[in-house]
């Protein structure tokens, strides 16, 4: 489940949704440094759960440190639609 959410988070904007296993996740907010391509460099790391790179701070003061993935999602249950008679 977390791999699905993380993959979605890498490519989504605030307000975007993803669904899995009867749940819908709506991205409410995220770490601005994680979301802004100018604020990070993609660094190759082997043996990740998903993909081959991780986001590291581009700012010289924080260079070499991994940006925390701390997006917040609202979770709602998908309910089957009732048939209309």
PDB file of N, CA and C in Angstrom:
ATOM      1  N   UNK A   1       0.820  -1.192   0.000  1.00  0.00           N
ATOM      2  CA  UNK A   1       0.000   0.000   0.000  1.00  0.00           C
ATOM      3  C   UNK A   1       0.867   1.259   0.000  1.00  0.00           C
ATOM      4  N   UNK A   2       1.925   1.276   0.831  1.00  0.00           N
ATOM      5  CA  UNK A   2       2.765   2.472   0.908  1.00  0.00           C
ATOM      6  C   UNK A   2       3.511   2.724  -0.392  1.00  0.00           C
ATOM      7  N   UNK A   3       3.881   1.664  -1.103  1.00  0.00           N
ATOM      8  CA  UNK A   3       4.551   1.855  -2.383  1.00  0.00           C
ATOM      9  C   UNK A   3       3.629   2.564  -3.364  1.00  0.00           C
ATOM     10  N   UNK A   4       2.347   2.189  -3.366  1.00  0.00           N
ATOM     11  CA  UNK A   4       1.370   2.829  -4.249  1.00  0.00           C
ATOM     12  C   UNK A   4       1.227   4.306  -3.906  1.00  0.00           C
ATOM     13  N   UNK A   5       1.130   4.604  -2.626  1.00  0.00           N
ATOM     14  CA  UNK A   5       0.978   5.986  -2.184  1.00  0.00           C
ATOM     15  C   UNK A   5       2.222   6.806  -2.514  1.00  0.00           C
ATOM     16  N   UNK A   6       3.388   6.232  -2.290  1.00  0.00           N
ATOM     17  CA  UNK A   6       4.637   6.941  -2.569  1.00  0.00           C
ATOM     18  C   UNK A   6       4.778   7.200  -4.066  1.00  0.00           C
ATOM     19  N   UNK A   7       4.482   6.208  -4.896  1.00  0.00           N
ATOM     20  CA  UNK A   7       4.560   6.385  -6.348  1.00  0.00           C
ATOM     21  C   UNK A   7       3.610   7.497  -6.791  1.00  0.00           C
ATOM     22  N   UNK A   8       2.412   7.515  -6.222  1.00  0.00           N
ATOM     23  CA  UNK A   8       1.448   8.578  -6.531  1.00  0.00           C
ATOM     24  C   UNK A   8       1.998   9.923  -6.083  1.00  0.00           C
ATOM     25  N   UNK A   9       2.571   9.977  -4.903  1.00  0.00           N
ATOM     26  CA  UNK A   9       3.058  11.226  -4.342  1.00  0.00           C
ATOM     27  C   UNK A   9       4.165  11.830  -5.204  1.00  0.00           C
ATOM     28  N   UNK A  10       4.990  10.996  -5.801  1.00  0.00           N
ATOM     29  CA  UNK A  10       6.097  11.501  -6.612  1.00  0.00           C
ATOM     30  C   UNK A  10       5.622  12.290  -7.824  1.00  0.00           C
ATOM     31  N   UNK A  11       4.460  11.940  -8.336  1.00  0.00           N
ATOM     32  CA  UNK A  11       3.984  12.552  -9.573  1.00  0.00           C
ATOM     33  C   UNK A  11       2.729  13.401  -9.411  1.00  0.00           C
ATOM     34  N   UNK A  12       2.214  13.569  -8.202  1.00  0.00           N
ATOM     35  CA  UNK A  12       0.925  14.231  -8.028  1.00  0.00           C
ATOM     36  C   UNK A  12       1.057  15.616  -7.405  1.00  0.00           C
ATOM     37  N   UNK A  13      -0.039  16.350  -7.519  1.00  0.00           N
ATOM     38  CA  UNK A  13      -0.153  17.677  -6.913  1.00  0.00           C
ATOM     39  C   UNK A  13      -1.143  17.595  -5.749  1.00  0.00           C
ATOM     40  N   UNK A  14      -1.134  18.601  -4.909  1.00  0.00           N
ATOM     41  CA  UNK A  14      -2.120  18.678  -3.833  1.00  0.00           C
ATOM     42  C   UNK A  14      -3.506  18.671  -4.468  1.00  0.00           C
ATOM     43  N   UNK A  15      -4.397  17.843  -3.916  1.00  0.00           N
ATOM     44  CA  UNK A  15      -5.751  17.707  -4.431  1.00  0.00           C
ATOM     45  C   UNK A  15      -5.953  16.491  -5.312  1.00  0.00           C
ATOM     46  N   UNK A  16      -4.860  15.904  -5.815  1.00  0.00           N
ATOM     47  CA  UNK A  16      -4.971  14.696  -6.636  1.00  0.00           C
ATOM     48  C   UNK A  16      -5.330  13.503  -5.761  1.00  0.00           C
ATOM     49  N   UNK A  17      -5.968  12.496  -6.374  1.00  0.00           N
ATOM     50  CA  UNK A  17      -6.372  11.304  -5.635  1.00  0.00           C
ATOM     51  C   UNK A  17      -5.840  10.045  -6.293  1.00  0.00           C
ATOM     52  N   UNK A  18      -5.759   9.001  -5.486  1.00  0.00           N
ATOM     53  CA  UNK A  18      -5.419   7.661  -5.963  1.00  0.00           C
ATOM     54  C   UNK A  18      -6.278   6.684  -5.160  1.00  0.00           C
ATOM     55  N   UNK A  19      -6.697   5.596  -5.801  1.00  0.00           N
ATOM     56  CA  UNK A  19      -7.540   4.605  -5.125  1.00  0.00           C
ATOM     57  C   UNK A  19      -6.882   3.238  -5.155  1.00  0.00           C
ATOM     58  N   UNK A  20      -7.096   2.509  -4.071  1.00  0.00           N
ATOM     59  CA  UNK A  20      -6.581   1.143  -3.983  1.00  0.00           C
ATOM     60  C   UNK A  20      -7.310   0.406  -2.870  1.00  0.00           C
ATOM     61  N   UNK A  21      -7.628  -0.836  -3.144  1.00  0.00           N
ATOM     62  CA  UNK A  21      -8.224  -1.722  -2.136  1.00  0.00           C
ATOM     63  C   UNK A  21      -9.451  -1.110  -1.450  1.00  0.00           C
ATOM     64  N   UNK A  22     -10.296  -0.439  -2.221  1.00  0.00           N
ATOM     65  CA  UNK A  22     -11.521   0.126  -1.664  1.00  0.00           C
ATOM     66  C   UNK A  22     -11.342   1.435  -0.920  1.00  0.00           C
ATOM     67  N   UNK A  23     -10.145   2.006  -0.967  1.00  0.00           N
ATOM     68  CA  UNK A  23      -9.882   3.274  -0.299  1.00  0.00           C
ATOM     69  C   UNK A  23      -9.458   4.316  -1.325  1.00  0.00           C
ATOM     70  N   UNK A  24      -9.845   5.564  -1.074  1.00  0.00           N
ATOM     71  CA  UNK A  24      -9.399   6.680  -1.904  1.00  0.00           C
ATOM     72  C   UNK A  24      -8.561   7.607  -1.033  1.00  0.00           C
ATOM     73  N   UNK A  25      -7.394   7.987  -1.543  1.00  0.00           N
ATOM     74  CA  UNK A  25      -6.462   8.861  -0.838  1.00  0.00           C
ATOM     75  C   UNK A  25      -6.392  10.191  -1.583  1.00  0.00           C
ATOM     76  N   UNK A  26      -6.649  11.286  -0.888  1.00  0.00           N
ATOM     77  CA  UNK A  26      -6.573  12.615  -1.477  1.00  0.00           C
ATOM     78  C   UNK A  26      -5.413  13.366  -0.810  1.00  0.00           C
ATOM     79  N   UNK A  27      -4.489  13.828  -1.619  1.00  0.00           N
ATOM     80  CA  UNK A  27      -3.315  14.537  -1.098  1.00  0.00           C
ATOM     81  C   UNK A  27      -3.733  15.932  -0.623  1.00  0.00           C
ATOM     82  N   UNK A  28      -3.578  16.196   0.677  1.00  0.00           N
ATOM     83  CA  UNK A  28      -3.984  17.473   1.262  1.00  0.00           C
ATOM     84  C   UNK A  28      -2.855  18.496   1.260  1.00  0.00           C
ATOM     85  N   UNK A  29      -1.664  18.090   1.660  1.00  0.00           N
ATOM     86  CA  UNK A  29      -0.490  18.957   1.577  1.00  0.00           C
ATOM     87  C   UNK A  29       0.769  18.110   1.640  1.00  0.00           C
ATOM     88  N   UNK A  30       1.889  18.742   1.328  1.00  0.00           N
ATOM     89  CA  UNK A  30       3.148  18.016   1.253  1.00  0.00           C
ATOM     90  C   UNK A  30       4.302  18.921   1.654  1.00  0.00           C
ATOM     91  N   UNK A  31       5.447  18.339   1.862  1.00  0.00           N
ATOM     92  CA  UNK A  31       6.670  19.080   2.139  1.00  0.00           C
ATOM     93  C   UNK A  31       7.032  19.865   0.873  1.00  0.00           C
ATOM     94  N   UNK A  32       7.080  21.197   0.938  1.00  0.00           N
ATOM     95  CA  UNK A  32       7.364  21.979  -0.262  1.00  0.00           C
ATOM     96  C   UNK A  32       8.693  21.604  -0.919  1.00  0.00           C
ATOM     97  N   UNK A  33       9.677  21.245  -0.133  1.00  0.00           N
ATOM     98  CA  UNK A  33      10.968  20.849  -0.701  1.00  0.00           C
ATOM     99  C   UNK A  33      10.872  19.533  -1.460  1.00  0.00           C
ATOM    100  N   UNK A  34       9.990  18.650  -1.009  1.00  0.00           N
ATOM    101  CA  UNK A  34       9.804  17.369  -1.676  1.00  0.00           C
ATOM    102  C   UNK A  34       9.101  17.555  -3.013  1.00  0.00           C
ATOM    103  N   UNK A  35       8.218  18.553  -3.100  1.00  0.00           N
ATOM    104  CA  UNK A  35       7.394  18.757  -4.288  1.00  0.00           C
ATOM    105  C   UNK A  35       8.042  19.653  -5.340  1.00  0.00           C
ATOM    106  N   UNK A  36       9.027  20.449  -4.972  1.00  0.00           N
ATOM    107  CA  UNK A  36       9.617  21.434  -5.881  1.00  0.00           C
ATOM    108  C   UNK A  36      10.895  20.887  -6.520  1.00  0.00           C
ATOM    109  N   UNK A  37      10.882  20.616  -7.833  1.00  0.00           N
ATOM    110  CA  UNK A  37      12.073  20.058  -8.489  1.00  0.00           C
ATOM    111  C   UNK A  37      13.324  20.918  -8.331  1.00  0.00           C
ATOM    112  N   UNK A  38      13.168  22.213  -8.115  1.00  0.00           N
ATOM    113  CA  UNK A  38      14.333  23.077  -7.915  1.00  0.00           C
ATOM    114  C   UNK A  38      14.960  22.881  -6.533  1.00  0.00           C
ATOM    115  N   UNK A  39      14.225  22.282  -5.604  1.00  0.00           N
ATOM    116  CA  UNK A  39      14.696  22.138  -4.228  1.00  0.00           C
ATOM    117  C   UNK A  39      15.394  20.816  -3.962  1.00  0.00           C
ATOM    118  N   UNK A  40      15.382  19.894  -4.934  1.00  0.00           N
ATOM    119  CA  UNK A  40      16.000  18.589  -4.700  1.00  0.00           C
ATOM    120  C   UNK A  40      16.790  18.107  -5.913  1.00  0.00           C
ATOM    121  N   UNK A  41      17.659  17.159  -5.652  1.00  0.00           N
ATOM    122  CA  UNK A  41      18.354  16.418  -6.717  1.00  0.00           C
ATOM    123  C   UNK A  41      17.997  14.954  -6.520  1.00  0.00           C
ATOM    124  N   UNK A  42      17.758  14.269  -7.626  1.00  0.00           N
ATOM    125  CA  UNK A  42      17.486  12.833  -7.555  1.00  0.00           C
ATOM    126  C   UNK A  42      18.812  12.109  -7.503  1.00  0.00           C
ATOM    127  N   UNK A  43      18.976  11.299  -6.479  1.00  0.00           N
ATOM    128  CA  UNK A  43      20.231  10.578  -6.264  1.00  0.00           C
ATOM    129  C   UNK A  43      19.961   9.088  -6.342  1.00  0.00           C
ATOM    130  N   UNK A  44      20.791   8.406  -7.085  1.00  0.00           N
ATOM    131  CA  UNK A  44      20.606   6.967  -7.283  1.00  0.00           C
ATOM    132  C   UNK A  44      20.921   6.202  -6.000  1.00  0.00           C
ATOM    133  N   UNK A  45      20.012   5.310  -5.638  1.00  0.00           N
ATOM    134  CA  UNK A  45      20.178   4.423  -4.493  1.00  0.00           C
ATOM    135  C   UNK A  45      19.719   3.027  -4.906  1.00  0.00           C
ATOM    136  N   UNK A  46      20.548   2.028  -4.712  1.00  0.00           N
ATOM    137  CA  UNK A  46      20.095   0.666  -5.000  1.00  0.00           C
ATOM    138  C   UNK A  46      19.202   0.149  -3.864  1.00  0.00           C
ATOM    139  N   UNK A  47      18.467  -0.882  -4.161  1.00  0.00           N
ATOM    140  CA  UNK A  47      17.690  -1.611  -3.152  1.00  0.00           C
ATOM    141  C   UNK A  47      16.584  -0.794  -2.489  1.00  0.00           C
ATOM    142  N   UNK A  48      15.956   0.083  -3.233  1.00  0.00           N
ATOM    143  CA  UNK A  48      14.802   0.793  -2.692  1.00  0.00           C
ATOM    144  C   UNK A  48      13.549  -0.048  -2.904  1.00  0.00           C
ATOM    145  N   UNK A  49      12.516   0.201  -2.122  1.00  0.00           N
ATOM    146  CA  UNK A  49      11.247  -0.497  -2.315  1.00  0.00           C
ATOM    147  C   UNK A  49      10.598  -0.118  -3.632  1.00  0.00           C
ATOM    148  N   UNK A  50      10.842   1.112  -4.077  1.00  0.00           N
ATOM    149  CA  UNK A  50      10.220   1.626  -5.285  1.00  0.00           C
ATOM    150  C   UNK A  50      11.206   2.524  -6.016  1.00  0.00           C
ATOM    151  N   UNK A  51      11.455   2.218  -7.269  1.00  0.00           N
ATOM    152  CA  UNK A  51      12.350   3.050  -8.071  1.00  0.00           C
ATOM    153  C   UNK A  51      13.811   2.848  -7.742  1.00  0.00           C
ATOM    154  N   UNK A  52      14.635   3.725  -8.290  1.00  0.00           N
ATOM    155  CA  UNK A  52      16.084   3.606  -8.112  1.00  0.00           C
ATOM    156  C   UNK A  52      16.722   4.890  -7.594  1.00  0.00           C
ATOM    157  N   UNK A  53      15.898   5.927  -7.335  1.00  0.00           N
ATOM    158  CA  UNK A  53      16.449   7.187  -6.846  1.00  0.00           C
ATOM    159  C   UNK A  53      15.655   7.681  -5.645  1.00  0.00           C
ATOM    160  N   UNK A  54      16.285   8.556  -4.884  1.00  0.00           N
ATOM    161  CA  UNK A  54      15.613   9.234  -3.779  1.00  0.00           C
ATOM    162  C   UNK A  54      15.900  10.727  -3.909  1.00  0.00           C
ATOM    163  N   UNK A  55      15.084  11.545  -3.294  1.00  0.00           N
ATOM    164  CA  UNK A  55      15.244  12.992  -3.391  1.00  0.00           C
ATOM    165  C   UNK A  55      16.090  13.501  -2.239  1.00  0.00           C
ATOM    166  N   UNK A  56      17.140  14.241  -2.610  1.00  0.00           N
ATOM    167  CA  UNK A  56      18.055  14.827  -1.644  1.00  0.00           C
ATOM    168  C   UNK A  56      17.994  16.347  -1.814  1.00  0.00           C
ATOM    169  N   UNK A  57      18.188  17.073  -0.696  1.00  0.00           N
ATOM    170  CA  UNK A  57      18.169  18.532  -0.754  1.00  0.00           C
ATOM    171  C   UNK A  57      19.220  19.045  -1.738  1.00  0.00           C
ATOM    172  N   UNK A  58      18.839  20.034  -2.547  1.00  0.00           N
ATOM    173  CA  UNK A  58      19.771  20.687  -3.467  1.00  0.00           C
ATOM    174  C   UNK A  58      20.482  21.854  -2.787  1.00  0.00           C
ATOM    175  N   UNK A  59      19.881  22.410  -1.744  1.00  0.00           N
ATOM    176  CA  UNK A  59      20.457  23.542  -1.010  1.00  0.00           C
ATOM    177  C   UNK A  59      21.815  23.134  -0.439  1.00  0.00           C
ATOM    178  N   UNK A  60      22.860  23.907  -0.718  1.00  0.00           N
ATOM    179  CA  UNK A  60      24.198  23.545  -0.212  1.00  0.00           C
ATOM    180  C   UNK A  60      24.251  23.337   1.302  1.00  0.00           C
ATOM    181  N   UNK A  61      23.426  24.050   2.044  1.00  0.00           N
ATOM    182  CA  UNK A  61      23.412  23.911   3.506  1.00  0.00           C
ATOM    183  C   UNK A  61      22.932  22.514   3.919  1.00  0.00           C
ATOM    184  N   UNK A  62      22.038  21.921   3.135  1.00  0.00           N
ATOM    185  CA  UNK A  62      21.461  20.620   3.459  1.00  0.00           C
ATOM    186  C   UNK A  62      21.883  19.531   2.483  1.00  0.00           C
ATOM    187  N   UNK A  63      22.794  19.844   1.572  1.00  0.00           N
ATOM    188  CA  UNK A  63      23.186  18.881   0.534  1.00  0.00           C
ATOM    189  C   UNK A  63      23.657  17.564   1.153  1.00  0.00           C
ATOM    190  N   UNK A  64      23.167  16.473   0.602  1.00  0.00           N
ATOM    191  CA  UNK A  64      23.529  15.158   1.111  1.00  0.00           C
ATOM    192  C   UNK A  64      22.508  14.578   2.075  1.00  0.00           C
ATOM    193  N   UNK A  65      21.559  15.414   2.496  1.00  0.00           N
ATOM    194  CA  UNK A  65      20.509  14.937   3.391  1.00  0.00           C
ATOM    195  C   UNK A  65      19.257  14.604   2.593  1.00  0.00           C
ATOM    196  N   UNK A  66      18.622  13.522   2.951  1.00  0.00           N
ATOM    197  CA  UNK A  66      17.400  13.089   2.298  1.00  0.00           C
ATOM    198  C   UNK A  66      16.227  13.940   2.760  1.00  0.00           C
ATOM    199  N   UNK A  67      15.365  14.314   1.807  1.00  0.00           N
ATOM    200  CA  UNK A  67      14.160  15.069   2.143  1.00  0.00           C
ATOM    201  C   UNK A  67      13.134  14.102   2.717  1.00  0.00           C
ATOM    202  N   UNK A  68      12.537  14.477   3.813  1.00  0.00           N
ATOM    203  CA  UNK A  68      11.519  13.628   4.422  1.00  0.00           C
ATOM    204  C   UNK A  68      10.263  13.617   3.565  1.00  0.00           C
ATOM    205  N   UNK A  69       9.735  12.424   3.369  1.00  0.00           N
ATOM    206  CA  UNK A  69       8.461  12.283   2.677  1.00  0.00           C
ATOM    207  C   UNK A  69       7.396  12.388   3.739  1.00  0.00           C
ATOM    208  N   UNK A  70       6.699  13.515   3.763  1.00  0.00           N
ATOM    209  CA  UNK A  70       5.708  13.710   4.814  1.00  0.00           C
ATOM    210  C   UNK A  70       4.432  14.344   4.287  1.00  0.00           C
ATOM    211  N   UNK A  71       3.971  13.855   3.151  1.00  0.00           N
ATOM    212  CA  UNK A  71       2.687  14.318   2.627  1.00  0.00           C
ATOM    213  C   UNK A  71       1.563  13.819   3.532  1.00  0.00           C
ATOM    214  N   UNK A  72       0.485  14.582   3.549  1.00  0.00           N
ATOM    215  CA  UNK A  72      -0.675  14.217   4.349  1.00  0.00           C
ATOM    216  C   UNK A  72      -1.826  13.929   3.389  1.00  0.00           C
ATOM    217  N   UNK A  73      -2.460  12.789   3.601  1.00  0.00           N
ATOM    218  CA  UNK A  73      -3.568  12.353   2.757  1.00  0.00           C
ATOM    219  C   UNK A  73      -4.834  12.193   3.589  1.00  0.00           C
ATOM    220  N   UNK A  74      -5.966  12.527   2.990  1.00  0.00           N
ATOM    221  CA  UNK A  74      -7.268  12.211   3.562  1.00  0.00           C
ATOM    222  C   UNK A  74      -7.686  10.870   2.966  1.00  0.00           C
ATOM    223  N   UNK A  75      -8.159   9.976   3.809  1.00  0.00           N
ATOM    224  CA  UNK A  75      -8.544   8.637   3.366  1.00  0.00           C
ATOM    225  C   UNK A  75     -10.056   8.504   3.471  1.00  0.00           C
ATOM    226  N   UNK A  76     -10.659   8.022   2.395  1.00  0.00           N
ATOM    227  CA  UNK A  76     -12.100   7.757   2.429  1.00  0.00           C
ATOM    228  C   UNK A  76     -12.360   6.385   1.827  1.00  0.00           C
ATOM    229  N   UNK A  77     -13.418   5.790   2.294  1.00  0.00           N
ATOM    230  CA  UNK A  77     -13.794   4.458   1.825  1.00  0.00           C
ATOM    231  C   UNK A  77     -14.641   4.597   0.571  1.00  0.00           C
ATOM    232  N   UNK A  78     -14.328   3.785  -0.430  1.00  0.00           N
ATOM    233  CA  UNK A  78     -15.138   3.762  -1.640  1.00  0.00           C
ATOM    234  C   UNK A  78     -16.367   2.923  -1.358  1.00  0.00           C
ATOM    235  N   UNK A  79     -17.502   3.485  -1.645  1.00  0.00           N
ATOM    236  CA  UNK A  79     -18.743   2.749  -1.409  1.00  0.00           C
ATOM    237  C   UNK A  79     -19.341   2.356  -2.747  1.00  0.00           C
ATOM    238  N   UNK A  80     -19.787   1.121  -2.849  1.00  0.00           N
ATOM    239  CA  UNK A  80     -20.397   0.688  -4.106  1.00  0.00           C
ATOM    240  C   UNK A  80     -21.655   1.501  -4.388  1.00  0.00           C
ATOM    241  N   UNK A  81     -21.835   1.847  -5.657  1.00  0.00           N
ATOM    242  CA  UNK A  81     -23.036   2.592  -6.027  1.00  0.00           C
ATOM    243  C   UNK A  81     -24.254   1.669  -5.975  1.00  0.00           C
ATOM    244  N   UNK A  82     -25.340   2.197  -5.497  1.00  0.00           N
ATOM    245  CA  UNK A  82     -26.579   1.445  -5.457  1.00  0.00           C
ATOM    246  C   UNK A  82     -27.249   1.518  -6.821  1.00  0.00           C
ATOM    247  N   UNK A  83     -27.831   0.432  -7.214  1.00  0.00           N
ATOM    248  CA  UNK A  83     -28.558   0.450  -8.478  1.00  0.00           C
ATOM    249  C   UNK A  83     -29.872   1.186  -8.298  1.00  0.00           C
ATOM    250  N   UNK A  84     -30.235   1.939  -9.305  1.00  0.00           N
ATOM    251  CA  UNK A  84     -31.482   2.697  -9.250  1.00  0.00           C
ATOM    252  C   UNK A  84     -32.587   1.906  -9.904  1.00  0.00           C
ATOM    253  N   UNK A  85     -33.750   1.940  -9.289  1.00  0.00           N
ATOM    254  CA  UNK A  85     -34.901   1.201  -9.846  1.00  0.00           C
ATOM    255  C   UNK A  85     -35.914   2.145 -10.397  1.00  0.00           C
TER     256      UNK A  85
END
